[in-house]
PDB file of all heavy atoms in Angstrom:
ATOM      1  N   PRO A   1      15.606  17.587 -18.400  1.00  0.00           N
ATOM      2  CA  PRO A   1      14.814  16.446 -18.905  1.00  0.00           C
ATOM      3  C   PRO A   1      14.801  15.226 -17.992  1.00  0.00           C
ATOM      4  O   PRO A   1      13.754  14.570 -17.893  1.00  0.00           O
ATOM      5  CB  PRO A   1      15.493  16.140 -20.254  1.00  0.00           C
ATOM      6  CG  PRO A   1      16.102  17.436 -20.673  1.00  0.00           C
ATOM      7  CD  PRO A   1      16.554  18.099 -19.412  1.00  0.00           C
ATOM      8  N   PRO A   2      15.922  14.870 -17.296  1.00  0.00           N
ATOM      9  CA  PRO A   2      15.837  13.696 -16.404  1.00  0.00           C
ATOM     10  C   PRO A   2      14.777  13.833 -15.312  1.00  0.00           C
ATOM     11  O   PRO A   2      14.227  12.830 -14.857  1.00  0.00           O
ATOM     12  CB  PRO A   2      17.247  13.615 -15.800  1.00  0.00           C
ATOM     13  CG  PRO A   2      18.131  14.254 -16.814  1.00  0.00           C
ATOM     14  CD  PRO A   2      17.304  15.361 -17.391  1.00  0.00           C
ATOM     15  N   VAL A   3      14.484  15.081 -14.903  1.00  0.00           N
ATOM     16  CA  VAL A   3      13.472  15.280 -13.865  1.00  0.00           C
ATOM     17  C   VAL A   3      12.093  14.849 -14.360  1.00  0.00           C
ATOM     18  O   VAL A   3      11.240  14.431 -13.560  1.00  0.00           O
ATOM     19  CB  VAL A   3      13.466  16.758 -13.429  1.00  0.00           C
ATOM     20  CG1 VAL A   3      12.341  17.032 -12.435  1.00  0.00           C
ATOM     21  CG2 VAL A   3      14.804  17.139 -12.816  1.00  0.00           C
ATOM     22  N   LEU A   4      11.875  14.922 -15.668  1.00  0.00           N
ATOM     23  CA  LEU A   4      10.570  14.598 -16.226  1.00  0.00           C
ATOM     24  C   LEU A   4      10.403  13.115 -16.544  1.00  0.00           C
ATOM     25  O   LEU A   4       9.325  12.710 -17.013  1.00  0.00           O
ATOM     26  CB  LEU A   4      10.340  15.418 -17.506  1.00  0.00           C
ATOM     27  CG  LEU A   4      10.242  16.930 -17.309  1.00  0.00           C
ATOM     28  CD1 LEU A   4      10.084  17.626 -18.647  1.00  0.00           C
ATOM     29  CD2 LEU A   4       9.086  17.286 -16.388  1.00  0.00           C
ATOM     30  N   VAL A   5      11.433  12.323 -16.318  1.00  0.00           N
ATOM     31  CA  VAL A   5      11.324  10.887 -16.594  1.00  0.00           C
ATOM     32  C   VAL A   5      10.170  10.255 -15.819  1.00  0.00           C
ATOM     33  O   VAL A   5       9.370   9.502 -16.391  1.00  0.00           O
ATOM     34  CB  VAL A   5      12.656  10.167 -16.300  1.00  0.00           C
ATOM     35  CG1 VAL A   5      12.477   8.652 -16.335  1.00  0.00           C
ATOM     36  CG2 VAL A   5      13.713  10.589 -17.309  1.00  0.00           C
ATOM     37  N   PRO A   6      10.015  10.527 -14.492  1.00  0.00           N
ATOM     38  CA  PRO A   6       8.852   9.950 -13.790  1.00  0.00           C
ATOM     39  C   PRO A   6       7.516  10.405 -14.371  1.00  0.00           C
ATOM     40  O   PRO A   6       6.560   9.622 -14.408  1.00  0.00           O
ATOM     41  CB  PRO A   6       9.032  10.449 -12.354  1.00  0.00           C
ATOM     42  CG  PRO A   6      10.485  10.756 -12.225  1.00  0.00           C
ATOM     43  CD  PRO A   6      10.902  11.251 -13.566  1.00  0.00           C
ATOM     44  N   VAL A   7       7.454  11.655 -14.828  1.00  0.00           N
ATOM     45  CA  VAL A   7       6.207  12.159 -15.417  1.00  0.00           C
ATOM     46  C   VAL A   7       5.887  11.412 -16.704  1.00  0.00           C
ATOM     47  O   VAL A   7       4.756  10.959 -16.937  1.00  0.00           O
ATOM     48  CB  VAL A   7       6.323  13.673 -15.683  1.00  0.00           C
ATOM     49  CG1 VAL A   7       5.042  14.188 -16.356  1.00  0.00           C
ATOM     50  CG2 VAL A   7       6.588  14.426 -14.396  1.00  0.00           C
ATOM     51  N   PHE A   8       6.894  11.256 -17.566  1.00  0.00           N
ATOM     52  CA  PHE A   8       6.678  10.543 -18.824  1.00  0.00           C
ATOM     53  C   PHE A   8       6.398   9.060 -18.572  1.00  0.00           C
ATOM     54  O   PHE A   8       5.683   8.429 -19.359  1.00  0.00           O
ATOM     55  CB  PHE A   8       7.896  10.710 -19.734  1.00  0.00           C
ATOM     56  CG  PHE A   8       8.078  12.117 -20.242  1.00  0.00           C
ATOM     57  CD1 PHE A   8       9.339  12.678 -20.334  1.00  0.00           C
ATOM     58  CD2 PHE A   8       6.992  12.877 -20.613  1.00  0.00           C
ATOM     59  CE1 PHE A   8       9.518  13.977 -20.795  1.00  0.00           C
ATOM     60  CE2 PHE A   8       7.145  14.172 -21.078  1.00  0.00           C
ATOM     61  CZ  PHE A   8       8.407  14.725 -21.163  1.00  0.00           C
ATOM     62  N   LEU A   9       6.945   8.508 -17.495  1.00  0.00           N
ATOM     63  CA  LEU A   9       6.638   7.120 -17.146  1.00  0.00           C
ATOM     64  C   LEU A   9       5.158   6.956 -16.819  1.00  0.00           C
ATOM     65  O   LEU A   9       4.514   5.979 -17.213  1.00  0.00           O
ATOM     66  CB  LEU A   9       7.495   6.671 -15.962  1.00  0.00           C
ATOM     67  CG  LEU A   9       8.851   6.046 -16.264  1.00  0.00           C
ATOM     68  CD1 LEU A   9       9.623   5.802 -14.975  1.00  0.00           C
ATOM     69  CD2 LEU A   9       8.694   4.751 -17.031  1.00  0.00           C
ATOM     70  N   VAL A  10       4.606   7.925 -16.072  1.00  0.00           N
ATOM     71  CA  VAL A  10       3.195   7.865 -15.711  1.00  0.00           C
ATOM     72  C   VAL A  10       2.316   8.061 -16.941  1.00  0.00           C
ATOM     73  O   VAL A  10       1.309   7.359 -17.128  1.00  0.00           O
ATOM     74  CB  VAL A  10       2.879   8.933 -14.644  1.00  0.00           C
ATOM     75  CG1 VAL A  10       1.377   9.007 -14.392  1.00  0.00           C
ATOM     76  CG2 VAL A  10       3.612   8.627 -13.354  1.00  0.00           C
ATOM     77  N   LEU A  11       2.696   9.002 -17.805  1.00  0.00           N
ATOM     78  CA  LEU A  11       1.872   9.328 -18.961  1.00  0.00           C
ATOM     79  C   LEU A  11       1.967   8.296 -20.074  1.00  0.00           C
ATOM     80  O   LEU A  11       0.971   7.975 -20.730  1.00  0.00           O
ATOM     81  CB  LEU A  11       2.264  10.704 -19.505  1.00  0.00           C
ATOM     82  CG  LEU A  11       2.022  11.903 -18.577  1.00  0.00           C
ATOM     83  CD1 LEU A  11       2.527  13.188 -19.221  1.00  0.00           C
ATOM     84  CD2 LEU A  11       0.542  12.026 -18.230  1.00  0.00           C
ATOM     85  N   LEU A  12       3.184   7.781 -20.319  1.00  0.00           N
ATOM     86  CA  LEU A  12       3.423   6.932 -21.484  1.00  0.00           C
ATOM     87  C   LEU A  12       3.735   5.484 -21.125  1.00  0.00           C
ATOM     88  O   LEU A  12       3.724   4.621 -22.006  1.00  0.00           O
ATOM     89  CB  LEU A  12       4.568   7.504 -22.327  1.00  0.00           C
ATOM     90  CG  LEU A  12       4.366   8.937 -22.826  1.00  0.00           C
ATOM     91  CD1 LEU A  12       5.627   9.438 -23.519  1.00  0.00           C
ATOM     92  CD2 LEU A  12       3.184   8.996 -23.779  1.00  0.00           C
ATOM     93  N   GLY A  13       4.059   5.232 -19.850  1.00  0.00           N
ATOM     94  CA  GLY A  13       4.392   3.877 -19.450  1.00  0.00           C
ATOM     95  C   GLY A  13       5.823   3.516 -19.808  1.00  0.00           C
ATOM     96  O   GLY A  13       6.577   4.309 -20.385  1.00  0.00           O
ATOM     97  N   ILE A  14       6.195   2.288 -19.470  1.00  0.00           N
ATOM     98  CA  ILE A  14       7.548   1.798 -19.749  1.00  0.00           C
ATOM     99  C   ILE A  14       7.646   1.390 -21.212  1.00  0.00           C
ATOM    100  O   ILE A  14       6.789   0.688 -21.733  1.00  0.00           O
ATOM    101  CB  ILE A  14       7.882   0.604 -18.831  1.00  0.00           C
ATOM    102  CG1 ILE A  14       7.879   1.039 -17.364  1.00  0.00           C
ATOM    103  CG2 ILE A  14       9.220  -0.008 -19.203  1.00  0.00           C
ATOM    104  CD1 ILE A  14       8.084  -0.093 -16.389  1.00  0.00           C
ATOM    105  N   GLY A  15       8.710   1.842 -21.857  1.00  0.00           N
ATOM    106  CA  GLY A  15       8.903   1.448 -23.246  1.00  0.00           C
ATOM    107  C   GLY A  15       9.534   2.546 -24.069  1.00  0.00           C
ATOM    108  O   GLY A  15       9.890   3.617 -23.564  1.00  0.00           O
ATOM    109  N   ALA A  16       9.652   2.291 -25.362  1.00  0.00           N
ATOM    110  CA  ALA A  16      10.315   3.215 -26.273  1.00  0.00           C
ATOM    111  C   ALA A  16       9.639   4.583 -26.367  1.00  0.00           C
ATOM    112  O   ALA A  16      10.339   5.593 -26.463  1.00  0.00           O
ATOM    113  CB  ALA A  16      10.424   2.581 -27.658  1.00  0.00           C
ATOM    114  N   PRO A  17       8.290   4.686 -26.362  1.00  0.00           N
ATOM    115  CA  PRO A  17       7.682   6.027 -26.448  1.00  0.00           C
ATOM    116  C   PRO A  17       8.153   6.962 -25.337  1.00  0.00           C
ATOM    117  O   PRO A  17       8.411   8.146 -25.586  1.00  0.00           O
ATOM    118  CB  PRO A  17       6.183   5.740 -26.347  1.00  0.00           C
ATOM    119  CG  PRO A  17       6.034   4.363 -26.885  1.00  0.00           C
ATOM    120  CD  PRO A  17       7.253   3.627 -26.439  1.00  0.00           C
ATOM    121  N   MET A  18       8.259   6.453 -24.101  1.00  0.00           N
ATOM    122  CA  MET A  18       8.729   7.296 -23.004  1.00  0.00           C
ATOM    123  C   MET A  18      10.169   7.728 -23.239  1.00  0.00           C
ATOM    124  O   MET A  18      10.518   8.917 -23.073  1.00  0.00           O
ATOM    125  CB  MET A  18       8.621   6.529 -21.682  1.00  0.00           C
ATOM    126  CG  MET A  18       9.096   7.305 -20.447  1.00  0.00           C
ATOM    127  SD  MET A  18      10.898   7.210 -20.134  1.00  0.00           S
ATOM    128  CE  MET A  18      11.066   5.484 -19.701  1.00  0.00           C
ATOM    129  N   GLN A  19      11.034   6.807 -23.649  1.00  0.00           N
ATOM    130  CA  GLN A  19      12.449   7.123 -23.845  1.00  0.00           C
ATOM    131  C   GLN A  19      12.653   8.103 -24.991  1.00  0.00           C
ATOM    132  O   GLN A  19      13.460   9.035 -24.902  1.00  0.00           O
ATOM    133  CB  GLN A  19      13.217   5.820 -24.077  1.00  0.00           C
ATOM    134  CG  GLN A  19      13.208   4.901 -22.863  1.00  0.00           C
ATOM    135  CD  GLN A  19      13.337   3.439 -23.223  1.00  0.00           C
ATOM    136  OE1 GLN A  19      13.292   3.056 -24.384  1.00  0.00           O
ATOM    137  NE2 GLN A  19      13.497   2.595 -22.213  1.00  0.00           N
ATOM    138  N   ILE A  20      11.914   7.905 -26.076  1.00  0.00           N
ATOM    139  CA  ILE A  20      12.025   8.819 -27.216  1.00  0.00           C
ATOM    140  C   ILE A  20      11.515  10.209 -26.841  1.00  0.00           C
ATOM    141  O   ILE A  20      12.092  11.228 -27.245  1.00  0.00           O
ATOM    142  CB  ILE A  20      11.261   8.246 -28.421  1.00  0.00           C
ATOM    143  CG1 ILE A  20      11.950   6.969 -28.926  1.00  0.00           C
ATOM    144  CG2 ILE A  20      11.172   9.277 -29.551  1.00  0.00           C
ATOM    145  CD1 ILE A  20      11.174   6.235 -30.004  1.00  0.00           C
ATOM    146  N   THR A  21      10.449  10.283 -26.047  1.00  0.00           N
ATOM    147  CA  THR A  21       9.908  11.577 -25.625  1.00  0.00           C
ATOM    148  C   THR A  21      10.915  12.338 -24.774  1.00  0.00           C
ATOM    149  O   THR A  21      11.063  13.563 -24.915  1.00  0.00           O
ATOM    150  CB  THR A  21       8.600  11.374 -24.842  1.00  0.00           C
ATOM    151  OG1 THR A  21       7.659  10.663 -25.648  1.00  0.00           O
ATOM    152  CG2 THR A  21       8.005  12.710 -24.433  1.00  0.00           C
ATOM    153  N   VAL A  22      11.606  11.639 -23.881  1.00  0.00           N
ATOM    154  CA  VAL A  22      12.644  12.285 -23.072  1.00  0.00           C
ATOM    155  C   VAL A  22      13.727  12.871 -23.965  1.00  0.00           C
ATOM    156  O   VAL A  22      14.188  14.007 -23.765  1.00  0.00           O
ATOM    157  CB  VAL A  22      13.252  11.270 -22.082  1.00  0.00           C
ATOM    158  CG1 VAL A  22      14.464  11.872 -21.376  1.00  0.00           C
ATOM    159  CG2 VAL A  22      12.211  10.851 -21.055  1.00  0.00           C
ATOM    160  N   ILE A  23      14.140  12.115 -24.970  1.00  0.00           N
ATOM    161  CA  ILE A  23      15.183  12.603 -25.883  1.00  0.00           C
ATOM    162  C   ILE A  23      14.694  13.819 -26.657  1.00  0.00           C
ATOM    163  O   ILE A  23      15.403  14.828 -26.767  1.00  0.00           O
ATOM    164  CB  ILE A  23      15.616  11.477 -26.843  1.00  0.00           C
ATOM    165  CG1 ILE A  23      16.270  10.338 -26.059  1.00  0.00           C
ATOM    166  CG2 ILE A  23      16.573  12.004 -27.903  1.00  0.00           C
ATOM    167  CD1 ILE A  23      16.590   9.113 -26.898  1.00  0.00           C
ATOM    168  N   VAL A  24      13.479  13.737 -27.196  1.00  0.00           N
ATOM    169  CA  VAL A  24      12.943  14.854 -27.986  1.00  0.00           C
ATOM    170  C   VAL A  24      12.854  16.121 -27.144  1.00  0.00           C
ATOM    171  O   VAL A  24      13.265  17.205 -27.575  1.00  0.00           O
ATOM    172  CB  VAL A  24      11.562  14.490 -28.570  1.00  0.00           C
ATOM    173  CG1 VAL A  24      10.917  15.714 -29.223  1.00  0.00           C
ATOM    174  CG2 VAL A  24      11.690  13.363 -29.579  1.00  0.00           C
ATOM    175  N   PHE A  25      12.311  15.999 -25.934  1.00  0.00           N
ATOM    176  CA  PHE A  25      12.136  17.177 -25.082  1.00  0.00           C
ATOM    177  C   PHE A  25      13.479  17.821 -24.744  1.00  0.00           C
ATOM    178  O   PHE A  25      13.578  19.046 -24.656  1.00  0.00           O
ATOM    179  CB  PHE A  25      11.418  16.789 -23.790  1.00  0.00           C
ATOM    180  CG  PHE A  25      11.174  17.951 -22.867  1.00  0.00           C
ATOM    181  CD1 PHE A  25      10.058  18.749 -23.021  1.00  0.00           C
ATOM    182  CD2 PHE A  25      12.070  18.256 -21.849  1.00  0.00           C
ATOM    183  CE1 PHE A  25       9.836  19.829 -22.179  1.00  0.00           C
ATOM    184  CE2 PHE A  25      11.856  19.335 -21.006  1.00  0.00           C
ATOM    185  CZ  PHE A  25      10.735  20.126 -21.172  1.00  0.00           C
ATOM    186  N   GLY A  26      14.521  17.023 -24.560  1.00  0.00           N
ATOM    187  CA  GLY A  26      15.799  17.583 -24.159  1.00  0.00           C
ATOM    188  C   GLY A  26      16.614  18.162 -25.295  1.00  0.00           C
ATOM    189  O   GLY A  26      17.374  19.117 -25.083  1.00  0.00           O
ATOM    190  N   VAL A  27      16.479  17.608 -26.514  1.00  0.00           N
ATOM    191  CA  VAL A  27      17.389  18.011 -27.597  1.00  0.00           C
ATOM    192  C   VAL A  27      16.767  18.996 -28.581  1.00  0.00           C
ATOM    193  O   VAL A  27      17.472  19.528 -29.441  1.00  0.00           O
ATOM    194  CB  VAL A  27      17.895  16.770 -28.367  1.00  0.00           C
ATOM    195  CG1 VAL A  27      18.483  15.751 -27.425  1.00  0.00           C
ATOM    196  CG2 VAL A  27      16.799  16.142 -29.213  1.00  0.00           C
ATOM    197  N   VAL A  28      15.466  19.260 -28.475  1.00  0.00           N
ATOM    198  CA  VAL A  28      14.830  20.122 -29.460  1.00  0.00           C
ATOM    199  C   VAL A  28      15.247  21.585 -29.305  1.00  0.00           C
ATOM    200  O   VAL A  28      15.261  22.347 -30.285  1.00  0.00           O
ATOM    201  CB  VAL A  28      13.286  19.995 -29.372  1.00  0.00           C
ATOM    202  CG1 VAL A  28      12.760  20.647 -28.099  1.00  0.00           C
ATOM    203  CG2 VAL A  28      12.622  20.577 -30.608  1.00  0.00           C
ATOM    204  N   TRP A  29      15.628  22.002 -28.087  1.00  0.00           N
ATOM    205  CA  TRP A  29      15.874  23.426 -27.848  1.00  0.00           C
ATOM    206  C   TRP A  29      17.096  23.971 -28.566  1.00  0.00           C
ATOM    207  O   TRP A  29      17.016  25.068 -29.147  1.00  0.00           O
ATOM    208  CB  TRP A  29      15.959  23.687 -26.340  1.00  0.00           C
ATOM    209  CG  TRP A  29      14.773  23.146 -25.609  1.00  0.00           C
ATOM    210  CD1 TRP A  29      14.739  22.118 -24.712  1.00  0.00           C
ATOM    211  CD2 TRP A  29      13.409  23.591 -25.733  1.00  0.00           C
ATOM    212  NE1 TRP A  29      13.455  21.885 -24.278  1.00  0.00           N
ATOM    213  CE2 TRP A  29      12.618  22.774 -24.886  1.00  0.00           C
ATOM    214  CE3 TRP A  29      12.802  24.592 -26.481  1.00  0.00           C
ATOM    215  CZ2 TRP A  29      11.253  22.936 -24.767  1.00  0.00           C
ATOM    216  CZ3 TRP A  29      11.430  24.762 -26.358  1.00  0.00           C
ATOM    217  CH2 TRP A  29      10.675  23.946 -25.512  1.00  0.00           C
TER     218      TRP A  29
END
């Protein structure tokens, strides 16, 4: 999931949505 942080930054911008998306993607499995 840390590798996708730049991708989520581009897609969602800086803020809580990007951070929450990183958490969801990493912990759902």
